[in-house]
Amino acid sequence: MTKEVQMSIKMESELRDQFMAVAAGRHRPAAQIIRDLMRLYIADSEVPNMLTAETLRKSDRGEEVFYATNATDLFKQLDI
């Protein structure tokens, strides 16, 4: 079982008011949104993150690897 703790942060009153209004408009508790944002921040901070790790594995397997003579050639191969 996870122990819950309280946390306090300082912020501008306008930021808090805007955040609380958006949370209320979406019928979600502000604390849940903060927890979700914290989890996303942690996941994005992993080195390498999951997307980077998967991209490296694919590259090692020779998947989704593009060889181009220049940037124009690469963009053409990627359809961008």
N, C-alpha and C. Protein backbone atom coordinates (compact mmCIF):
# COMPACT_ATOMS: atom_id res chain seq x y z
N MET A 1 0.83 -1.17 0.00
CA MET A 1 0.00 0.00 0.00
C MET A 1 0.89 1.24 0.00
N THR A 2 0.52 2.21 -0.82
CA THR A 2 1.28 3.44 -0.94
C THR A 2 0.82 4.45 0.10
N LYS A 3 1.77 5.06 0.76
CA LYS A 3 1.45 6.09 1.74
C LYS A 3 1.25 7.42 1.02
N GLU A 4 0.17 8.08 1.30
CA GLU A 4 -0.09 9.39 0.70
C GLU A 4 0.51 10.47 1.57
N VAL A 5 1.10 11.46 0.91
CA VAL A 5 1.67 12.60 1.62
C VAL A 5 1.14 13.87 0.97
N GLN A 6 1.20 14.95 1.69
CA GLN A 6 0.77 16.23 1.15
C GLN A 6 1.96 16.98 0.61
N MET A 7 1.67 17.84 -0.34
CA MET A 7 2.72 18.65 -0.95
C MET A 7 2.13 20.04 -1.17
N SER A 8 2.90 21.06 -0.92
CA SER A 8 2.43 22.41 -1.19
C SER A 8 3.40 23.07 -2.15
N ILE A 9 2.84 23.88 -3.04
CA ILE A 9 3.66 24.61 -4.00
C ILE A 9 3.19 26.05 -4.06
N LYS A 10 4.10 26.92 -4.40
CA LYS A 10 3.76 28.33 -4.56
C LYS A 10 3.54 28.61 -6.03
N MET A 11 2.50 29.38 -6.32
CA MET A 11 2.23 29.77 -7.69
C MET A 11 1.43 31.06 -7.69
N GLU A 12 1.36 31.67 -8.83
CA GLU A 12 0.58 32.88 -8.98
C GLU A 12 -0.90 32.55 -8.83
N SER A 13 -1.63 33.45 -8.19
CA SER A 13 -3.06 33.19 -7.97
C SER A 13 -3.81 33.06 -9.29
N GLU A 14 -3.41 33.83 -10.30
CA GLU A 14 -4.07 33.74 -11.60
C GLU A 14 -3.89 32.36 -12.22
N LEU A 15 -2.67 31.81 -12.11
CA LEU A 15 -2.41 30.47 -12.63
C LEU A 15 -3.26 29.45 -11.91
N ARG A 16 -3.31 29.53 -10.59
CA ARG A 16 -4.13 28.61 -9.81
C ARG A 16 -5.60 28.71 -10.20
N ASP A 17 -6.10 29.92 -10.31
CA ASP A 17 -7.52 30.11 -10.66
C ASP A 17 -7.84 29.55 -12.04
N GLN A 18 -6.95 29.79 -12.99
CA GLN A 18 -7.17 29.25 -14.34
C GLN A 18 -7.15 27.72 -14.33
N PHE A 19 -6.17 27.16 -13.61
CA PHE A 19 -6.06 25.70 -13.52
C PHE A 19 -7.30 25.09 -12.87
N MET A 20 -7.72 25.66 -11.77
CA MET A 20 -8.90 25.14 -11.07
C MET A 20 -10.15 25.23 -11.94
N ALA A 21 -10.27 26.31 -12.72
CA ALA A 21 -11.42 26.46 -13.62
C ALA A 21 -11.43 25.39 -14.70
N VAL A 22 -10.26 25.11 -15.27
CA VAL A 22 -10.17 24.08 -16.31
C VAL A 22 -10.48 22.71 -15.70
N ALA A 23 -9.92 22.43 -14.55
CA ALA A 23 -10.16 21.15 -13.87
C ALA A 23 -11.66 20.98 -13.59
N ALA A 24 -12.28 22.01 -13.07
CA ALA A 24 -13.72 21.94 -12.77
C ALA A 24 -14.52 21.75 -14.05
N GLY A 25 -14.12 22.45 -15.11
CA GLY A 25 -14.81 22.32 -16.39
C GLY A 25 -14.73 20.92 -16.97
N ARG A 26 -13.69 20.21 -16.62
CA ARG A 26 -13.52 18.84 -17.11
C ARG A 26 -13.97 17.81 -16.08
N HIS A 27 -14.52 18.29 -14.98
CA HIS A 27 -15.03 17.42 -13.91
C HIS A 27 -13.96 16.45 -13.41
N ARG A 28 -12.75 16.98 -13.20
CA ARG A 28 -11.64 16.17 -12.70
C ARG A 28 -11.04 16.87 -11.50
N PRO A 29 -10.72 16.11 -10.49
CA PRO A 29 -10.06 16.71 -9.32
C PRO A 29 -8.69 17.27 -9.71
N ALA A 30 -8.42 18.46 -9.23
CA ALA A 30 -7.14 19.11 -9.54
C ALA A 30 -5.96 18.24 -9.09
N ALA A 31 -6.09 17.60 -7.94
CA ALA A 31 -4.99 16.76 -7.43
C ALA A 31 -4.70 15.60 -8.38
N GLN A 32 -5.73 15.03 -8.99
CA GLN A 32 -5.51 13.92 -9.93
C GLN A 32 -4.78 14.41 -11.16
N ILE A 33 -5.12 15.59 -11.64
CA ILE A 33 -4.44 16.15 -12.80
C ILE A 33 -2.96 16.39 -12.47
N ILE A 34 -2.69 16.92 -11.30
CA ILE A 34 -1.29 17.15 -10.89
C ILE A 34 -0.53 15.83 -10.82
N ARG A 35 -1.16 14.79 -10.24
CA ARG A 35 -0.48 13.48 -10.18
C ARG A 35 -0.21 12.95 -11.58
N ASP A 36 -1.17 13.09 -12.49
CA ASP A 36 -0.98 12.64 -13.87
C ASP A 36 0.17 13.39 -14.53
N LEU A 37 0.21 14.71 -14.33
CA LEU A 37 1.29 15.51 -14.90
C LEU A 37 2.65 15.10 -14.33
N MET A 38 2.69 14.80 -13.05
CA MET A 38 3.94 14.37 -12.43
C MET A 38 4.40 13.04 -13.02
N ARG A 39 3.47 12.12 -13.23
CA ARG A 39 3.82 10.82 -13.82
C ARG A 39 4.35 11.01 -15.24
N LEU A 40 3.71 11.88 -16.02
CA LEU A 40 4.19 12.16 -17.38
C LEU A 40 5.59 12.77 -17.35
N TYR A 41 5.81 13.68 -16.44
CA TYR A 41 7.11 14.34 -16.32
C TYR A 41 8.20 13.31 -16.00
N ILE A 42 7.88 12.42 -15.09
CA ILE A 42 8.85 11.37 -14.72
C ILE A 42 9.12 10.46 -15.90
N ALA A 43 8.07 10.04 -16.59
CA ALA A 43 8.24 9.15 -17.74
C ALA A 43 9.06 9.82 -18.84
N ASP A 44 8.82 11.10 -19.07
CA ASP A 44 9.57 11.82 -20.10
C ASP A 44 11.02 12.04 -19.70
N SER A 45 11.31 11.94 -18.41
CA SER A 45 12.67 12.17 -17.93
C SER A 45 13.52 10.92 -17.92
N GLU A 46 12.93 9.77 -18.18
CA GLU A 46 13.70 8.54 -18.20
C GLU A 46 14.71 8.60 -19.33
N VAL A 47 15.90 8.10 -19.06
CA VAL A 47 16.95 8.14 -20.05
C VAL A 47 17.37 6.72 -20.37
N PRO A 48 17.23 6.25 -21.58
CA PRO A 48 16.42 6.89 -22.60
C PRO A 48 14.93 6.65 -22.32
N ASN A 49 14.10 7.54 -22.83
CA ASN A 49 12.67 7.32 -22.63
C ASN A 49 12.21 6.14 -23.48
N MET A 50 10.98 5.70 -23.29
CA MET A 50 10.51 4.49 -23.96
C MET A 50 10.56 4.61 -25.48
N LEU A 51 10.18 5.76 -26.02
CA LEU A 51 10.21 5.93 -27.47
C LEU A 51 11.63 5.86 -28.00
N THR A 52 12.56 6.51 -27.31
CA THR A 52 13.95 6.48 -27.74
C THR A 52 14.51 5.06 -27.65
N ALA A 53 14.20 4.36 -26.57
CA ALA A 53 14.69 2.99 -26.40
C ALA A 53 14.17 2.09 -27.52
N GLU A 54 12.89 2.22 -27.85
CA GLU A 54 12.31 1.39 -28.92
C GLU A 54 12.93 1.76 -30.26
N THR A 55 13.16 3.03 -30.51
CA THR A 55 13.78 3.47 -31.76
C THR A 55 15.19 2.89 -31.88
N LEU A 56 15.94 2.88 -30.78
CA LEU A 56 17.29 2.30 -30.80
C LEU A 56 17.24 0.80 -31.06
N ARG A 57 16.27 0.11 -30.47
CA ARG A 57 16.14 -1.34 -30.72
C ARG A 57 15.83 -1.61 -32.19
N LYS A 58 14.92 -0.83 -32.76
CA LYS A 58 14.59 -1.00 -34.18
C LYS A 58 15.80 -0.73 -35.06
N SER A 59 16.55 0.29 -34.72
CA SER A 59 17.74 0.62 -35.49
C SER A 59 18.75 -0.52 -35.43
N ASP A 60 18.93 -1.10 -34.25
CA ASP A 60 19.86 -2.23 -34.10
C ASP A 60 19.42 -3.43 -34.94
N ARG A 61 18.10 -3.58 -35.12
CA ARG A 61 17.57 -4.67 -35.94
C ARG A 61 17.51 -4.31 -37.42
N GLY A 62 17.88 -3.08 -37.75
CA GLY A 62 17.84 -2.64 -39.14
C GLY A 62 16.45 -2.24 -39.61
N GLU A 63 15.53 -2.05 -38.68
CA GLU A 63 14.16 -1.68 -39.02
C GLU A 63 14.04 -0.16 -39.05
N GLU A 64 13.22 0.32 -39.96
CA GLU A 64 12.93 1.74 -40.07
C GLU A 64 14.20 2.59 -40.16
N VAL A 65 15.18 2.06 -40.87
CA VAL A 65 16.42 2.78 -41.10
C VAL A 65 16.38 3.32 -42.52
N PHE A 66 16.70 4.58 -42.67
CA PHE A 66 16.66 5.20 -43.98
C PHE A 66 18.07 5.66 -44.36
N TYR A 67 18.42 5.41 -45.59
CA TYR A 67 19.69 5.87 -46.12
C TYR A 67 19.38 6.89 -47.20
N ALA A 68 19.94 8.05 -47.06
CA ALA A 68 19.65 9.12 -48.01
C ALA A 68 20.93 9.81 -48.43
N THR A 69 20.89 10.33 -49.63
CA THR A 69 22.07 11.04 -50.14
C THR A 69 22.11 12.48 -49.63
N ASN A 70 20.94 13.01 -49.28
CA ASN A 70 20.86 14.37 -48.74
C ASN A 70 19.50 14.54 -48.05
N ALA A 71 19.26 15.72 -47.49
CA ALA A 71 18.03 15.96 -46.74
C ALA A 71 16.80 15.83 -47.63
N THR A 72 16.89 16.32 -48.86
CA THR A 72 15.75 16.23 -49.77
C THR A 72 15.39 14.78 -50.04
N ASP A 73 16.38 13.96 -50.25
CA ASP A 73 16.16 12.53 -50.48
C ASP A 73 15.52 11.88 -49.25
N LEU A 74 16.00 12.23 -48.07
CA LEU A 74 15.44 11.67 -46.84
C LEU A 74 13.98 12.08 -46.67
N PHE A 75 13.69 13.37 -46.87
CA PHE A 75 12.31 13.84 -46.72
C PHE A 75 11.39 13.13 -47.72
N LYS A 76 11.90 12.90 -48.92
CA LYS A 76 11.10 12.19 -49.95
C LYS A 76 10.80 10.77 -49.49
N GLN A 77 11.80 10.08 -48.94
CA GLN A 77 11.59 8.71 -48.46
C GLN A 77 10.59 8.67 -47.29
N LEU A 78 10.61 9.70 -46.47
CA LEU A 78 9.73 9.76 -45.32
C LEU A 78 8.37 10.36 -45.64
N ASP A 79 8.17 10.74 -46.90
CA ASP A 79 6.90 11.37 -47.34
C ASP A 79 6.59 12.64 -46.59
N ILE A 80 7.62 13.44 -46.34
CA ILE A 80 7.38 14.73 -45.68
C ILE A 80 8.00 15.85 -46.48
